[in-house]
């Protein structure tokens, strides 16, 4: 029979159990290490961010924040969308305008006595 060559032994994982014996650096030691590192070009503080090149966009506040759901006939939906498109309005503006028209008509009929 042929013998397989044995693999070289693996090193064991280093144990850090004895690291508790290492003393915590004093403030003087930390300051000396910091100045030595800065002398080599390392900076301890994070650089301040550069000013933005262009001003931030203004966030547009929503004017129409409430949503209503109305069941309607497909023809009425088409008429509403056509009204919005013809008058170049948003749906919220169109709803406000249509309600104003309806209330004006209601007042006109009440004044006429119909």
PDB file of N, CA and C in Angstrom:
ATOM      1  N   UNK A   1       0.819  -1.178   0.000  1.00  0.00           N
ATOM      2  CA  UNK A   1       0.000   0.000   0.000  1.00  0.00           C
ATOM      3  C   UNK A   1       0.866   1.246   0.000  1.00  0.00           C
ATOM      4  N   UNK A   2       0.287   2.269  -0.578  1.00  0.00           N
ATOM      5  CA  UNK A   2       1.034   3.528  -0.616  1.00  0.00           C
ATOM      6  C   UNK A   2       0.658   4.371   0.581  1.00  0.00           C
ATOM      7  N   UNK A   3       1.585   5.031   1.097  1.00  0.00           N
ATOM      8  CA  UNK A   3       1.305   5.905   2.237  1.00  0.00           C
ATOM      9  C   UNK A   3       1.048   7.312   1.721  1.00  0.00           C
ATOM     10  N   UNK A   4       0.037   7.926   2.312  1.00  0.00           N
ATOM     11  CA  UNK A   4      -0.282   9.298   1.932  1.00  0.00           C
ATOM     12  C   UNK A   4       0.667  10.233   2.665  1.00  0.00           C
ATOM     13  N   UNK A   5       1.103  11.247   1.983  1.00  0.00           N
ATOM     14  CA  UNK A   5       1.963  12.205   2.676  1.00  0.00           C
ATOM     15  C   UNK A   5       1.134  12.979   3.694  1.00  0.00           C
ATOM     16  N   UNK A   6       1.696  13.218   4.803  1.00  0.00           N
ATOM     17  CA  UNK A   6       0.976  13.946   5.847  1.00  0.00           C
ATOM     18  C   UNK A   6       1.080  15.434   5.579  1.00  0.00           C
ATOM     19  N   UNK A   7      -0.010  16.126   5.818  1.00  0.00           N
ATOM     20  CA  UNK A   7      -0.044  17.572   5.620  1.00  0.00           C
ATOM     21  C   UNK A   7       0.707  18.241   6.753  1.00  0.00           C
ATOM     22  N   UNK A   8       1.328  19.365   6.482  1.00  0.00           N
ATOM     23  CA  UNK A   8       2.023  20.056   7.568  1.00  0.00           C
ATOM     24  C   UNK A   8       1.006  20.466   8.633  1.00  0.00           C
ATOM     25  N   UNK A   9       1.431  20.462   9.853  1.00  0.00           N
ATOM     26  CA  UNK A   9       0.499  20.772  10.946  1.00  0.00           C
ATOM     27  C   UNK A   9       0.093  22.232  10.871  1.00  0.00           C
ATOM     28  N   UNK A  10      -1.168  22.474  11.166  1.00  0.00           N
ATOM     29  CA  UNK A  10      -1.695  23.832  11.159  1.00  0.00           C
ATOM     30  C   UNK A  10      -1.334  24.526  12.457  1.00  0.00           C
ATOM     31  N   UNK A  11      -1.139  25.784  12.332  1.00  0.00           N
ATOM     32  CA  UNK A  11      -0.926  26.550  13.552  1.00  0.00           C
ATOM     33  C   UNK A  11      -2.258  26.715  14.249  1.00  0.00           C
ATOM     34  N   UNK A  12      -2.227  26.744  15.521  1.00  0.00           N
ATOM     35  CA  UNK A  12      -3.481  26.928  16.251  1.00  0.00           C
ATOM     36  C   UNK A  12      -3.854  28.408  16.266  1.00  0.00           C
ATOM     37  N   UNK A  13      -5.118  28.668  16.481  1.00  0.00           N
ATOM     38  CA  UNK A  13      -5.595  30.043  16.543  1.00  0.00           C
ATOM     39  C   UNK A  13      -5.021  30.681  17.799  1.00  0.00           C
ATOM     40  N   UNK A  14      -4.559  31.883  17.650  1.00  0.00           N
ATOM     41  CA  UNK A  14      -3.943  32.578  18.774  1.00  0.00           C
ATOM     42  C   UNK A  14      -4.969  32.836  19.855  1.00  0.00           C
ATOM     43  N   UNK A  15      -4.598  32.646  21.044  1.00  0.00           N
ATOM     44  CA  UNK A  15      -5.473  32.889  22.176  1.00  0.00           C
ATOM     45  C   UNK A  15      -5.227  34.297  22.695  1.00  0.00           C
ATOM     46  N   UNK A  16      -6.285  35.014  22.907  1.00  0.00           N
ATOM     47  CA  UNK A  16      -6.173  36.364  23.438  1.00  0.00           C
ATOM     48  C   UNK A  16      -6.558  36.408  24.915  1.00  0.00           C
ATOM     49  N   UNK A  17      -6.549  35.309  25.558  1.00  0.00           N
ATOM     50  CA  UNK A  17      -6.971  35.226  26.954  1.00  0.00           C
ATOM     51  C   UNK A  17      -6.050  36.029  27.865  1.00  0.00           C
ATOM     52  N   UNK A  18      -4.775  36.145  27.523  1.00  0.00           N
ATOM     53  CA  UNK A  18      -3.840  36.845  28.381  1.00  0.00           C
ATOM     54  C   UNK A  18      -3.792  38.345  28.102  1.00  0.00           C
ATOM     55  N   UNK A  19      -4.650  38.843  27.187  1.00  0.00           N
ATOM     56  CA  UNK A  19      -4.618  40.261  26.858  1.00  0.00           C
ATOM     57  C   UNK A  19      -5.137  41.132  27.989  1.00  0.00           C
ATOM     58  N   UNK A  20      -5.774  40.551  28.990  1.00  0.00           N
ATOM     59  CA  UNK A  20      -6.265  41.347  30.102  1.00  0.00           C
ATOM     60  C   UNK A  20      -5.115  41.923  30.910  1.00  0.00           C
ATOM     61  N   UNK A  21      -3.938  41.370  30.749  1.00  0.00           N
ATOM     62  CA  UNK A  21      -2.781  41.843  31.499  1.00  0.00           C
ATOM     63  C   UNK A  21      -2.184  43.112  30.898  1.00  0.00           C
ATOM     64  N   UNK A  22      -2.566  43.465  29.665  1.00  0.00           N
ATOM     65  CA  UNK A  22      -2.005  44.642  29.003  1.00  0.00           C
ATOM     66  C   UNK A  22      -2.619  45.885  29.627  1.00  0.00           C
ATOM     67  N   UNK A  23      -1.799  46.819  30.098  1.00  0.00           N
ATOM     68  CA  UNK A  23      -2.353  48.027  30.733  1.00  0.00           C
ATOM     69  C   UNK A  23      -2.970  48.957  29.693  1.00  0.00           C
ATOM     70  N   UNK A  24      -3.981  49.701  30.111  1.00  0.00           N
ATOM     71  CA  UNK A  24      -4.630  50.691  29.253  1.00  0.00           C
ATOM     72  C   UNK A  24      -3.675  51.876  29.119  1.00  0.00           C
ATOM     73  N   UNK A  25      -3.496  52.417  27.896  1.00  0.00           N
ATOM     74  CA  UNK A  25      -2.561  53.528  27.731  1.00  0.00           C
ATOM     75  C   UNK A  25      -3.010  54.762  28.515  1.00  0.00           C
ATOM     76  N   UNK A  26      -2.055  55.479  29.035  1.00  0.00           N
ATOM     77  CA  UNK A  26      -2.344  56.707  29.778  1.00  0.00           C
ATOM     78  C   UNK A  26      -2.669  57.818  28.791  1.00  0.00           C
ATOM     79  N   UNK A  27      -3.306  58.892  29.259  1.00  0.00           N
ATOM     80  CA  UNK A  27      -3.597  60.022  28.356  1.00  0.00           C
ATOM     81  C   UNK A  27      -2.334  60.600  27.724  1.00  0.00           C
ATOM     82  N   UNK A  28      -1.226  60.599  28.458  1.00  0.00           N
ATOM     83  CA  UNK A  28       0.020  61.110  27.890  1.00  0.00           C
ATOM     84  C   UNK A  28       0.503  60.225  26.747  1.00  0.00           C
ATOM     85  N   UNK A  29       0.374  58.910  26.931  1.00  0.00           N
ATOM     86  CA  UNK A  29       0.784  57.981  25.882  1.00  0.00           C
ATOM     87  C   UNK A  29      -0.108  58.139  24.643  1.00  0.00           C
ATOM     88  N   UNK A  30      -1.399  58.321  24.887  1.00  0.00           N
ATOM     89  CA  UNK A  30      -2.319  58.515  23.757  1.00  0.00           C
ATOM     90  C   UNK A  30      -1.975  59.796  22.990  1.00  0.00           C
ATOM     91  N   UNK A  31      -1.694  60.886  23.741  1.00  0.00           N
ATOM     92  CA  UNK A  31      -1.357  62.161  23.101  1.00  0.00           C
ATOM     93  C   UNK A  31      -0.068  62.029  22.299  1.00  0.00           C
ATOM     94  N   UNK A  32       0.935  61.320  22.858  1.00  0.00           N
ATOM     95  CA  UNK A  32       2.201  61.135  22.149  1.00  0.00           C
ATOM     96  C   UNK A  32       1.992  60.317  20.879  1.00  0.00           C
ATOM     97  N   UNK A  33       1.176  59.285  20.948  1.00  0.00           N
ATOM     98  CA  UNK A  33       0.904  58.453  19.776  1.00  0.00           C
ATOM     99  C   UNK A  33       0.141  59.246  18.708  1.00  0.00           C
ATOM    100  N   UNK A  34      -0.783  60.092  19.170  1.00  0.00           N
ATOM    101  CA  UNK A  34      -1.570  60.893  18.238  1.00  0.00           C
ATOM    102  C   UNK A  34      -0.675  61.882  17.497  1.00  0.00           C
ATOM    103  N   UNK A  35       0.204  62.582  18.230  1.00  0.00           N
ATOM    104  CA  UNK A  35       1.079  63.558  17.585  1.00  0.00           C
ATOM    105  C   UNK A  35       2.086  62.866  16.656  1.00  0.00           C
ATOM    106  N   UNK A  36       2.569  61.673  17.052  1.00  0.00           N
ATOM    107  CA  UNK A  36       3.492  60.943  16.182  1.00  0.00           C
ATOM    108  C   UNK A  36       2.780  60.505  14.905  1.00  0.00           C
ATOM    109  N   UNK A  37       1.536  60.063  15.023  1.00  0.00           N
ATOM    110  CA  UNK A  37       0.771  59.648  13.842  1.00  0.00           C
ATOM    111  C   UNK A  37       0.466  60.816  12.932  1.00  0.00           C
ATOM    112  N   UNK A  38       0.120  61.974  13.531  1.00  0.00           N
ATOM    113  CA  UNK A  38      -0.153  63.149  12.713  1.00  0.00           C
ATOM    114  C   UNK A  38       1.110  63.632  12.012  1.00  0.00           C
ATOM    115  N   UNK A  39       2.271  63.414  12.659  1.00  0.00           N
ATOM    116  CA  UNK A  39       3.535  63.767  12.012  1.00  0.00           C
ATOM    117  C   UNK A  39       3.789  62.920  10.777  1.00  0.00           C
ATOM    118  N   UNK A  40       3.227  61.719  10.752  1.00  0.00           N
ATOM    119  CA  UNK A  40       3.377  60.836   9.591  1.00  0.00           C
ATOM    120  C   UNK A  40       2.285  61.045   8.543  1.00  0.00           C
ATOM    121  N   UNK A  41       1.325  61.920   8.868  1.00  0.00           N
ATOM    122  CA  UNK A  41       0.271  62.202   7.888  1.00  0.00           C
ATOM    123  C   UNK A  41      -1.084  61.616   8.235  1.00  0.00           C
ATOM    124  N   UNK A  42      -1.204  60.927   9.352  1.00  0.00           N
ATOM    125  CA  UNK A  42      -2.488  60.379   9.762  1.00  0.00           C
ATOM    126  C   UNK A  42      -3.252  61.425  10.555  1.00  0.00           C
ATOM    127  N   UNK A  43      -4.525  61.566  10.287  1.00  0.00           N
ATOM    128  CA  UNK A  43      -5.353  62.531  10.993  1.00  0.00           C
ATOM    129  C   UNK A  43      -6.348  61.786  11.869  1.00  0.00           C
ATOM    130  N   UNK A  44      -6.468  62.222  13.115  1.00  0.00           N
ATOM    131  CA  UNK A  44      -7.381  61.572  14.048  1.00  0.00           C
ATOM    132  C   UNK A  44      -8.808  62.071  13.865  1.00  0.00           C
ATOM    133  N   UNK A  45      -8.957  63.355  13.592  1.00  0.00           N
ATOM    134  CA  UNK A  45     -10.297  63.914  13.440  1.00  0.00           C
ATOM    135  C   UNK A  45     -10.785  63.701  12.017  1.00  0.00           C
ATOM    136  N   UNK A  46     -12.082  63.548  11.918  1.00  0.00           N
ATOM    137  CA  UNK A  46     -12.663  63.403  10.586  1.00  0.00           C
ATOM    138  C   UNK A  46     -12.708  64.777   9.935  1.00  0.00           C
ATOM    139  N   UNK A  47     -12.408  64.865   8.661  1.00  0.00           N
ATOM    140  CA  UNK A  47     -12.446  66.177   8.005  1.00  0.00           C
ATOM    141  C   UNK A  47     -13.873  66.697   7.941  1.00  0.00           C
ATOM    142  N   UNK A  48     -14.008  68.007   8.011  1.00  0.00           N
ATOM    143  CA  UNK A  48     -15.339  68.597   7.910  1.00  0.00           C
ATOM    144  C   UNK A  48     -15.824  68.448   6.476  1.00  0.00           C
ATOM    145  N   UNK A  49     -17.099  68.125   6.306  1.00  0.00           N
ATOM    146  CA  UNK A  49     -17.599  67.942   4.942  1.00  0.00           C
ATOM    147  C   UNK A  49     -17.585  69.259   4.179  1.00  0.00           C
ATOM    148  N   UNK A  50     -17.298  69.174   2.920  1.00  0.00           N
ATOM    149  CA  UNK A  50     -17.267  70.357   2.068  1.00  0.00           C
ATOM    150  C   UNK A  50     -18.679  70.875   1.872  1.00  0.00           C
ATOM    151  N   UNK A  51     -18.781  72.158   1.661  1.00  0.00           N
ATOM    152  CA  UNK A  51     -20.088  72.763   1.428  1.00  0.00           C
ATOM    153  C   UNK A  51     -20.662  72.219   0.125  1.00  0.00           C
ATOM    154  N   UNK A  52     -21.976  72.018   0.070  1.00  0.00           N
ATOM    155  CA  UNK A  52     -22.554  71.509  -1.177  1.00  0.00           C
ATOM    156  C   UNK A  52     -22.318  72.499  -2.315  1.00  0.00           C
ATOM    157  N   UNK A  53     -22.097  71.954  -3.497  1.00  0.00           N
ATOM    158  CA  UNK A  53     -21.776  72.784  -4.650  1.00  0.00           C
ATOM    159  C   UNK A  53     -22.978  73.579  -5.141  1.00  0.00           C
ATOM    160  N   UNK A  54     -24.131  72.992  -5.041  1.00  0.00           N
ATOM    161  CA  UNK A  54     -25.335  73.700  -5.463  1.00  0.00           C
ATOM    162  C   UNK A  54     -26.326  73.682  -4.308  1.00  0.00           C
ATOM    163  N   UNK A  55     -27.163  74.659  -4.237  1.00  0.00           N
ATOM    164  CA  UNK A  55     -28.108  74.693  -3.118  1.00  0.00           C
ATOM    165  C   UNK A  55     -29.086  73.528  -3.204  1.00  0.00           C
ATOM    166  N   UNK A  56     -29.507  73.075  -2.049  1.00  0.00           N
ATOM    167  CA  UNK A  56     -30.447  71.959  -2.002  1.00  0.00           C
ATOM    168  C   UNK A  56     -31.785  72.400  -2.582  1.00  0.00           C
ATOM    169  N   UNK A  57     -32.467  71.460  -3.181  1.00  0.00           N
ATOM    170  CA  UNK A  57     -33.782  71.771  -3.749  1.00  0.00           C
ATOM    171  C   UNK A  57     -34.778  72.066  -2.640  1.00  0.00           C
ATOM    172  N   UNK A  58     -35.653  72.990  -2.921  1.00  0.00           N
ATOM    173  CA  UNK A  58     -36.709  73.275  -1.964  1.00  0.00           C
ATOM    174  C   UNK A  58     -37.746  72.161  -2.065  1.00  0.00           C
ATOM    175  N   UNK A  59     -38.159  71.684  -0.916  1.00  0.00           N
ATOM    176  CA  UNK A  59     -39.164  70.634  -0.897  1.00  0.00           C
ATOM    177  C   UNK A  59     -40.523  71.293  -1.053  1.00  0.00           C
ATOM    178  N   UNK A  60     -41.244  70.838  -2.032  1.00  0.00           N
ATOM    179  CA  UNK A  60     -42.559  71.405  -2.291  1.00  0.00           C
ATOM    180  C   UNK A  60     -43.571  70.791  -1.327  1.00  0.00           C
ATOM    181  N   UNK A  61     -44.263  71.649  -0.613  1.00  0.00           N
ATOM    182  CA  UNK A  61     -45.275  71.144   0.310  1.00  0.00           C
ATOM    183  C   UNK A  61     -46.534  70.798  -0.471  1.00  0.00           C
ATOM    184  N   UNK A  62     -47.130  69.688  -0.098  1.00  0.00           N
ATOM    185  CA  UNK A  62     -48.344  69.261  -0.775  1.00  0.00           C
ATOM    186  C   UNK A  62     -49.501  70.150  -0.335  1.00  0.00           C
ATOM    187  N   UNK A  63     -50.259  70.619  -1.298  1.00  0.00           N
ATOM    188  CA  UNK A  63     -51.410  71.465  -0.995  1.00  0.00           C
ATOM    189  C   UNK A  63     -52.639  70.600  -0.732  1.00  0.00           C
ATOM    190  N   UNK A  64     -52.797  69.586  -1.537  1.00  0.00           N
ATOM    191  CA  UNK A  64     -53.956  68.707  -1.395  1.00  0.00           C
ATOM    192  C   UNK A  64     -53.486  67.430  -0.705  1.00  0.00           C
ATOM    193  N   UNK A  65     -53.736  67.345   0.592  1.00  0.00           N
ATOM    194  CA  UNK A  65     -53.193  66.233   1.373  1.00  0.00           C
ATOM    195  C   UNK A  65     -54.220  65.168   1.707  1.00  0.00           C
ATOM    196  N   UNK A  66     -55.467  65.400   1.424  1.00  0.00           N
ATOM    197  CA  UNK A  66     -56.497  64.417   1.738  1.00  0.00           C
ATOM    198  C   UNK A  66     -56.902  63.691   0.456  1.00  0.00           C
ATOM    199  N   UNK A  67     -57.248  62.432   0.609  1.00  0.00           N
ATOM    200  CA  UNK A  67     -57.652  61.638  -0.550  1.00  0.00           C
ATOM    201  C   UNK A  67     -59.076  61.148  -0.333  1.00  0.00           C
ATOM    202  N   UNK A  68     -59.878  61.263  -1.376  1.00  0.00           N
ATOM    203  CA  UNK A  68     -61.226  60.711  -1.307  1.00  0.00           C
ATOM    204  C   UNK A  68     -61.377  59.696  -2.432  1.00  0.00           C
ATOM    205  N   UNK A  69     -62.152  58.705  -2.165  1.00  0.00           N
ATOM    206  CA  UNK A  69     -62.381  57.664  -3.162  1.00  0.00           C
ATOM    207  C   UNK A  69     -63.876  57.663  -3.469  1.00  0.00           C
ATOM    208  N   UNK A  70     -64.196  57.894  -4.731  1.00  0.00           N
ATOM    209  CA  UNK A  70     -65.583  58.027  -5.153  1.00  0.00           C
ATOM    210  C   UNK A  70     -65.861  56.980  -6.213  1.00  0.00           C
ATOM    211  N   UNK A  71     -66.920  56.274  -6.026  1.00  0.00           N
ATOM    212  CA  UNK A  71     -67.357  55.355  -7.080  1.00  0.00           C
ATOM    213  C   UNK A  71     -68.129  56.159  -8.108  1.00  0.00           C
ATOM    214  N   UNK A  72     -67.755  56.001  -9.356  1.00  0.00           N
ATOM    215  CA  UNK A  72     -68.417  56.748 -10.415  1.00  0.00           C
ATOM    216  C   UNK A  72     -68.524  55.877 -11.652  1.00  0.00           C
ATOM    217  N   UNK A  73     -69.307  56.351 -12.585  1.00  0.00           N
ATOM    218  CA  UNK A  73     -69.423  55.668 -13.868  1.00  0.00           C
ATOM    219  C   UNK A  73     -68.174  55.947 -14.694  1.00  0.00           C
ATOM    220  N   UNK A  74     -67.794  55.024 -15.541  1.00  0.00           N
ATOM    221  CA  UNK A  74     -66.618  55.275 -16.387  1.00  0.00           C
ATOM    222  C   UNK A  74     -66.754  56.546 -17.229  1.00  0.00           C
ATOM    223  N   UNK A  75     -67.984  56.853 -17.667  1.00  0.00           N
ATOM    224  CA  UNK A  75     -68.190  58.060 -18.465  1.00  0.00           C
ATOM    225  C   UNK A  75     -67.927  59.313 -17.637  1.00  0.00           C
ATOM    226  N   UNK A  76     -68.351  59.274 -16.349  1.00  0.00           N
ATOM    227  CA  UNK A  76     -68.114  60.428 -15.487  1.00  0.00           C
ATOM    228  C   UNK A  76     -66.626  60.591 -15.197  1.00  0.00           C
ATOM    229  N   UNK A  77     -65.926  59.509 -15.057  1.00  0.00           N
ATOM    230  CA  UNK A  77     -64.486  59.580 -14.834  1.00  0.00           C
ATOM    231  C   UNK A  77     -63.814  60.209 -16.053  1.00  0.00           C
ATOM    232  N   UNK A  78     -64.249  59.804 -17.245  1.00  0.00           N
ATOM    233  CA  UNK A  78     -63.687  60.378 -18.466  1.00  0.00           C
ATOM    234  C   UNK A  78     -63.989  61.873 -18.562  1.00  0.00           C
ATOM    235  N   UNK A  79     -65.202  62.256 -18.181  1.00  0.00           N
ATOM    236  CA  UNK A  79     -65.567  63.676 -18.209  1.00  0.00           C
ATOM    237  C   UNK A  79     -64.715  64.480 -17.237  1.00  0.00           C
ATOM    238  N   UNK A  80     -64.476  63.914 -16.041  1.00  0.00           N
ATOM    239  CA  UNK A  80     -63.649  64.591 -15.041  1.00  0.00           C
ATOM    240  C   UNK A  80     -62.211  64.735 -15.542  1.00  0.00           C
ATOM    241  N   UNK A  81     -61.659  63.657 -16.061  1.00  0.00           N
ATOM    242  CA  UNK A  81     -60.289  63.706 -16.570  1.00  0.00           C
ATOM    243  C   UNK A  81     -60.183  64.669 -17.755  1.00  0.00           C
ATOM    244  N   UNK A  82     -61.222  64.722 -18.580  1.00  0.00           N
ATOM    245  CA  UNK A  82     -61.235  65.646 -19.712  1.00  0.00           C
ATOM    246  C   UNK A  82     -61.289  67.090 -19.218  1.00  0.00           C
ATOM    247  N   UNK A  83     -62.092  67.345 -18.182  1.00  0.00           N
ATOM    248  CA  UNK A  83     -62.171  68.677 -17.582  1.00  0.00           C
ATOM    249  C   UNK A  83     -60.808  69.094 -17.028  1.00  0.00           C
ATOM    250  N   UNK A  84     -60.156  68.193 -16.335  1.00  0.00           N
ATOM    251  CA  UNK A  84     -58.830  68.472 -15.770  1.00  0.00           C
ATOM    252  C   UNK A  84     -57.844  68.792 -16.887  1.00  0.00           C
ATOM    253  N   UNK A  85     -57.866  68.003 -17.949  1.00  0.00           N
ATOM    254  CA  UNK A  85     -56.919  68.197 -19.033  1.00  0.00           C
ATOM    255  C   UNK A  85     -57.190  69.505 -19.786  1.00  0.00           C
ATOM    256  N   UNK A  86     -58.445  69.780 -20.095  1.00  0.00           N
ATOM    257  CA  UNK A  86     -58.796  70.984 -20.843  1.00  0.00           C
ATOM    258  C   UNK A  86     -58.416  72.250 -20.092  1.00  0.00           C
ATOM    259  N   UNK A  87     -58.606  72.244 -18.787  1.00  0.00           N
ATOM    260  CA  UNK A  87     -58.331  73.434 -17.991  1.00  0.00           C
ATOM    261  C   UNK A  87     -56.924  73.459 -17.402  1.00  0.00           C
ATOM    262  N   UNK A  88     -56.137  72.425 -17.697  1.00  0.00           N
ATOM    263  CA  UNK A  88     -54.749  72.325 -17.214  1.00  0.00           C
ATOM    264  C   UNK A  88     -54.690  72.503 -15.691  1.00  0.00           C
ATOM    265  N   UNK A  89     -55.502  71.698 -14.999  1.00  0.00           N
ATOM    266  CA  UNK A  89     -55.582  71.749 -13.543  1.00  0.00           C
ATOM    267  C   UNK A  89     -55.098  70.439 -12.945  1.00  0.00           C
ATOM    268  N   UNK A  90     -54.729  70.509 -11.686  1.00  0.00           N
ATOM    269  CA  UNK A  90     -54.510  69.255 -10.963  1.00  0.00           C
ATOM    270  C   UNK A  90     -55.887  68.733 -10.565  1.00  0.00           C
ATOM    271  N   UNK A  91     -55.951  67.490 -10.188  1.00  0.00           N
ATOM    272  CA  UNK A  91     -57.256  66.924  -9.806  1.00  0.00           C
ATOM    273  C   UNK A  91     -57.811  67.619  -8.572  1.00  0.00           C
ATOM    274  N   UNK A  92     -56.924  67.999  -7.645  1.00  0.00           N
ATOM    275  CA  UNK A  92     -57.375  68.706  -6.450  1.00  0.00           C
ATOM    276  C   UNK A  92     -57.962  70.063  -6.778  1.00  0.00           C
ATOM    277  N   UNK A  93     -57.267  70.802  -7.659  1.00  0.00           N
ATOM    278  CA  UNK A  93     -57.788  72.106  -8.081  1.00  0.00           C
ATOM    279  C   UNK A  93     -59.116  71.946  -8.815  1.00  0.00           C
ATOM    280  N   UNK A  94     -59.220  70.924  -9.639  1.00  0.00           N
ATOM    281  CA  UNK A  94     -60.457  70.692 -10.388  1.00  0.00           C
ATOM    282  C   UNK A  94     -61.606  70.374  -9.442  1.00  0.00           C
ATOM    283  N   UNK A  95     -61.338  69.573  -8.415  1.00  0.00           N
ATOM    284  CA  UNK A  95     -62.393  69.241  -7.459  1.00  0.00           C
ATOM    285  C   UNK A  95     -62.855  70.497  -6.725  1.00  0.00           C
ATOM    286  N   UNK A  96     -61.919  71.351  -6.332  1.00  0.00           N
ATOM    287  CA  UNK A  96     -62.278  72.604  -5.662  1.00  0.00           C
ATOM    288  C   UNK A  96     -63.125  73.475  -6.575  1.00  0.00           C
ATOM    289  N   UNK A  97     -62.704  73.589  -7.818  1.00  0.00           N
ATOM    290  CA  UNK A  97     -63.435  74.427  -8.761  1.00  0.00           C
ATOM    291  C   UNK A  97     -64.832  73.865  -9.037  1.00  0.00           C
ATOM    292  N   UNK A  98     -64.946  72.557  -9.206  1.00  0.00           N
ATOM    293  CA  UNK A  98     -66.263  71.963  -9.460  1.00  0.00           C
ATOM    294  C   UNK A  98     -67.195  72.144  -8.267  1.00  0.00           C
ATOM    295  N   UNK A  99     -66.660  72.018  -7.058  1.00  0.00           N
ATOM    296  CA  UNK A  99     -67.487  72.258  -5.870  1.00  0.00           C
ATOM    297  C   UNK A  99     -67.919  73.719  -5.791  1.00  0.00           C
ATOM    298  N   UNK A 100     -67.015  74.641  -6.144  1.00  0.00           N
ATOM    299  CA  UNK A 100     -67.392  76.057  -6.165  1.00  0.00           C
ATOM    300  C   UNK A 100     -68.505  76.308  -7.178  1.00  0.00           C
ATOM    301  N   UNK A 101     -68.393  75.687  -8.366  1.00  0.00           N
ATOM    302  CA  UNK A 101     -69.441  75.823  -9.376  1.00  0.00           C
ATOM    303  C   UNK A 101     -70.769  75.257  -8.872  1.00  0.00           C
ATOM    304  N   UNK A 102     -70.721  74.116  -8.225  1.00  0.00           N
ATOM    305  CA  UNK A 102     -71.948  73.483  -7.732  1.00  0.00           C
ATOM    306  C   UNK A 102     -72.600  74.344  -6.646  1.00  0.00           C
ATOM    307  N   UNK A 103     -71.804  74.904  -5.734  1.00  0.00           N
ATOM    308  CA  UNK A 103     -72.366  75.755  -4.680  1.00  0.00           C
ATOM    309  C   UNK A 103     -72.924  77.052  -5.264  1.00  0.00           C
ATOM    310  N   UNK A 104     -72.275  77.623  -6.264  1.00  0.00           N
ATOM    311  CA  UNK A 104     -72.789  78.836  -6.910  1.00  0.00           C
ATOM    312  C   UNK A 104     -74.117  78.548  -7.597  1.00  0.00           C
ATOM    313  N   UNK A 105     -74.208  77.405  -8.240  1.00  0.00           N
ATOM    314  CA  UNK A 105     -75.469  77.019  -8.900  1.00  0.00           C
ATOM    315  C   UNK A 105     -76.568  76.785  -7.861  1.00  0.00           C
ATOM    316  N   UNK A 106     -76.201  76.178  -6.745  1.00  0.00           N
ATOM    317  CA  UNK A 106     -77.170  75.936  -5.670  1.00  0.00           C
ATOM    318  C   UNK A 106     -77.696  77.267  -5.113  1.00  0.00           C
ATOM    319  N   UNK A 107     -76.844  78.264  -4.926  1.00  0.00           N
ATOM    320  CA  UNK A 107     -77.261  79.574  -4.433  1.00  0.00           C
ATOM    321  C   UNK A 107     -78.124  80.268  -5.468  1.00  0.00           C
ATOM    322  N   UNK A 108     -77.772  80.146  -6.732  1.00  0.00           N
ATOM    323  CA  UNK A 108     -78.547  80.791  -7.798  1.00  0.00           C
ATOM    324  C   UNK A 108     -79.959  80.231  -7.841  1.00  0.00           C
ATOM    325  N   UNK A 109     -80.080  78.901  -7.698  1.00  0.00           N
ATOM    326  CA  UNK A 109     -81.414  78.281  -7.709  1.00  0.00           C
ATOM    327  C   UNK A 109     -82.228  78.677  -6.477  1.00  0.00           C
ATOM    328  N   UNK A 110     -81.553  78.790  -5.335  1.00  0.00           N
ATOM    329  CA  UNK A 110     -82.263  79.193  -4.112  1.00  0.00           C
ATOM    330  C   UNK A 110     -82.757  80.638  -4.225  1.00  0.00           C
ATOM    331  N   UNK A 111     -81.975  81.501  -4.847  1.00  0.00           N
ATOM    332  CA  UNK A 111     -82.368  82.886  -5.037  1.00  0.00           C
ATOM    333  C   UNK A 111     -83.493  83.014  -6.051  1.00  0.00           C
ATOM    334  N   UNK A 112     -83.501  82.150  -7.060  1.00  0.00           N
ATOM    335  CA  UNK A 112     -84.522  82.180  -8.101  1.00  0.00           C
ATOM    336  C   UNK A 112     -85.820  81.534  -7.613  1.00  0.00           C
ATOM    337  N   UNK A 113     -85.760  80.756  -6.548  1.00  0.00           N
ATOM    338  CA  UNK A 113     -86.944  80.117  -6.006  1.00  0.00           C
ATOM    339  C   UNK A 113     -87.306  78.826  -6.719  1.00  0.00           C
ATOM    340  N   UNK A 114     -86.381  78.196  -7.391  1.00  0.00           N
ATOM    341  CA  UNK A 114     -86.664  76.928  -8.098  1.00  0.00           C
ATOM    342  C   UNK A 114     -86.744  75.788  -7.162  1.00  0.00           C
TER     343      UNK A 114
END
